[in-house]
Amino acid sequence: MLILSIVTTTLLLMMTQHRIWVFAGLGGAVCSWGLSQLVTIFERILPPDWHVFNGVFAFLVVAFVVLWLISLYERLLPVRDET
């Protein structure tokens, strides 16, 4: 059901003329896929008493990766003079 909703949302967004929505939809799909994969990894690693924190740890890892990618992108941008 999740895959079906992601596919239909992506198809609807692709019908628009604004590409930013397509990239946002794909980014959301990749983020949700990454979260689900990290939750399953943490289920295998963490002891059973800590399974409550799987989603929190997965979200923190994804947020850390996204912030790292944003800072890397900003570092690679050329510095432009505003004069």
C-alpha atoms as a PDB file:
ATOM      1  CA  MET A   1       0.000   0.000   0.000  1.00  0.00           C
ATOM      2  CA  LEU A   2       2.861   2.375   0.820  1.00  0.00           C
ATOM      3  CA  ILE A   3       4.532   1.673  -2.517  1.00  0.00           C
ATOM      4  CA  LEU A   4       1.252   2.229  -4.359  1.00  0.00           C
ATOM      5  CA  SER A   5       0.702   5.587  -2.675  1.00  0.00           C
ATOM      6  CA  ILE A   6       4.282   6.659  -3.387  1.00  0.00           C
ATOM      7  CA  VAL A   7       3.992   5.658  -7.050  1.00  0.00           C
ATOM      8  CA  THR A   8       0.654   7.405  -7.578  1.00  0.00           C
ATOM      9  CA  THR A   9       1.866  10.539  -5.813  1.00  0.00           C
ATOM     10  CA  THR A  10       5.002  10.567  -7.938  1.00  0.00           C
ATOM     11  CA  LEU A  11       2.988  10.108 -11.127  1.00  0.00           C
ATOM     12  CA  LEU A  12       0.648  12.933 -10.189  1.00  0.00           C
ATOM     13  CA  LEU A  13       3.581  15.176  -9.412  1.00  0.00           C
ATOM     14  CA  MET A  14       5.244  14.320 -12.711  1.00  0.00           C
ATOM     15  CA  MET A  15       2.190  15.653 -14.520  1.00  0.00           C
ATOM     16  CA  THR A  16       2.896  19.126 -13.186  1.00  0.00           C
ATOM     17  CA  GLN A  17       5.278  21.473 -14.899  1.00  0.00           C
ATOM     18  CA  HIS A  18       7.238  22.247 -11.753  1.00  0.00           C
ATOM     19  CA  ARG A  19      10.123  19.828 -11.415  1.00  0.00           C
ATOM     20  CA  ILE A  20      10.823  20.771  -7.815  1.00  0.00           C
ATOM     21  CA  TRP A  21       7.750  18.803  -6.736  1.00  0.00           C
ATOM     22  CA  VAL A  22       9.054  15.715  -8.515  1.00  0.00           C
ATOM     23  CA  PHE A  23      12.374  16.040  -6.715  1.00  0.00           C
ATOM     24  CA  ALA A  24      10.586  16.619  -3.402  1.00  0.00           C
ATOM     25  CA  GLY A  25       8.442  13.522  -3.953  1.00  0.00           C
ATOM     26  CA  LEU A  26      11.454  11.407  -4.836  1.00  0.00           C
ATOM     27  CA  GLY A  27      13.334  12.772  -1.852  1.00  0.00           C
ATOM     28  CA  GLY A  28      10.434  11.873   0.417  1.00  0.00           C
ATOM     29  CA  ALA A  29      10.267   8.378  -1.048  1.00  0.00           C
ATOM     30  CA  VAL A  30      13.998   7.851  -0.547  1.00  0.00           C
ATOM     31  CA  CYS A  31      13.767   9.229   2.987  1.00  0.00           C
ATOM     32  CA  SER A  32      10.879   6.912   3.921  1.00  0.00           C
ATOM     33  CA  TRP A  33      12.684   3.936   2.366  1.00  0.00           C
ATOM     34  CA  GLY A  34      15.830   4.797   4.299  1.00  0.00           C
ATOM     35  CA  LEU A  35      13.882   5.127   7.535  1.00  0.00           C
ATOM     36  CA  SER A  36      12.225   1.739   7.096  1.00  0.00           C
ATOM     37  CA  GLN A  37      15.571   0.098   6.303  1.00  0.00           C
ATOM     38  CA  LEU A  38      17.224   1.681   9.322  1.00  0.00           C
ATOM     39  CA  VAL A  39      14.374   0.589  11.593  1.00  0.00           C
ATOM     40  CA  THR A  40      14.845  -3.025  10.487  1.00  0.00           C
ATOM     41  CA  ILE A  41      18.617  -2.746  10.993  1.00  0.00           C
ATOM     42  CA  PHE A  42      18.146  -1.331  14.480  1.00  0.00           C
ATOM     43  CA  GLU A  43      15.677  -4.128  15.275  1.00  0.00           C
ATOM     44  CA  ARG A  44      18.449  -6.633  14.608  1.00  0.00           C
ATOM     45  CA  ILE A  45      21.169  -4.708  16.446  1.00  0.00           C
ATOM     46  CA  LEU A  46      19.458  -3.329  19.543  1.00  0.00           C
ATOM     47  CA  PRO A  47      18.304  -5.473  22.445  1.00  0.00           C
ATOM     48  CA  PRO A  48      14.540  -6.117  22.688  1.00  0.00           C
ATOM     49  CA  ASP A  49      14.103  -3.599  25.508  1.00  0.00           C
ATOM     50  CA  TRP A  50      15.365  -0.825  23.238  1.00  0.00           C
ATOM     51  CA  HIS A  51      13.041  -1.471  20.298  1.00  0.00           C
ATOM     52  CA  VAL A  52      10.990   1.544  21.335  1.00  0.00           C
ATOM     53  CA  PHE A  53      13.828   3.771  20.142  1.00  0.00           C
ATOM     54  CA  ASN A  54      14.208   2.256  16.641  1.00  0.00           C
ATOM     55  CA  GLY A  55      12.262   5.021  14.925  1.00  0.00           C
ATOM     56  CA  VAL A  56      13.998   7.760  16.887  1.00  0.00           C
ATOM     57  CA  PHE A  57      17.463   6.434  16.096  1.00  0.00           C
ATOM     58  CA  ALA A  58      16.563   5.935  12.433  1.00  0.00           C
ATOM     59  CA  PHE A  59      15.202   9.480  12.173  1.00  0.00           C
ATOM     60  CA  LEU A  60      18.333  10.884  13.806  1.00  0.00           C
ATOM     61  CA  VAL A  61      20.573   9.026  11.351  1.00  0.00           C
ATOM     62  CA  VAL A  62      18.567  10.248   8.341  1.00  0.00           C
ATOM     63  CA  ALA A  63      18.542  13.819   9.694  1.00  0.00           C
ATOM     64  CA  PHE A  64      22.310  13.663  10.236  1.00  0.00           C
ATOM     65  CA  VAL A  65      22.892  12.421   6.674  1.00  0.00           C
ATOM     66  CA  VAL A  66      20.602  15.086   5.191  1.00  0.00           C
ATOM     67  CA  LEU A  67      22.296  17.871   7.146  1.00  0.00           C
ATOM     68  CA  TRP A  68      25.710  16.529   6.130  1.00  0.00           C
ATOM     69  CA  LEU A  69      24.669  16.515   2.463  1.00  0.00           C
ATOM     70  CA  ILE A  70      23.352  20.078   2.735  1.00  0.00           C
ATOM     71  CA  SER A  71      26.591  21.309   4.301  1.00  0.00           C
ATOM     72  CA  LEU A  72      28.615  19.478   1.657  1.00  0.00           C
ATOM     73  CA  TYR A  73      26.512  21.075  -1.084  1.00  0.00           C
ATOM     74  CA  GLU A  74      26.985  24.529   0.416  1.00  0.00           C
ATOM     75  CA  ARG A  75      30.739  24.004   0.630  1.00  0.00           C
ATOM     76  CA  LEU A  76      30.941  22.961  -3.003  1.00  0.00           C
ATOM     77  CA  LEU A  77      28.984  25.963  -4.252  1.00  0.00           C
ATOM     78  CA  PRO A  78      31.232  28.672  -5.641  1.00  0.00           C
ATOM     79  CA  VAL A  79      31.401  31.791  -3.554  1.00  0.00           C
ATOM     80  CA  ARG A  80      29.723  34.569  -5.488  1.00  0.00           C
ATOM     81  CA  ASP A  81      30.447  38.220  -5.048  1.00  0.00           C
ATOM     82  CA  GLU A  82      27.381  40.310  -4.372  1.00  0.00           C
ATOM     83  CA  THR A  83      28.895  43.423  -5.910  1.00  0.00           C
END
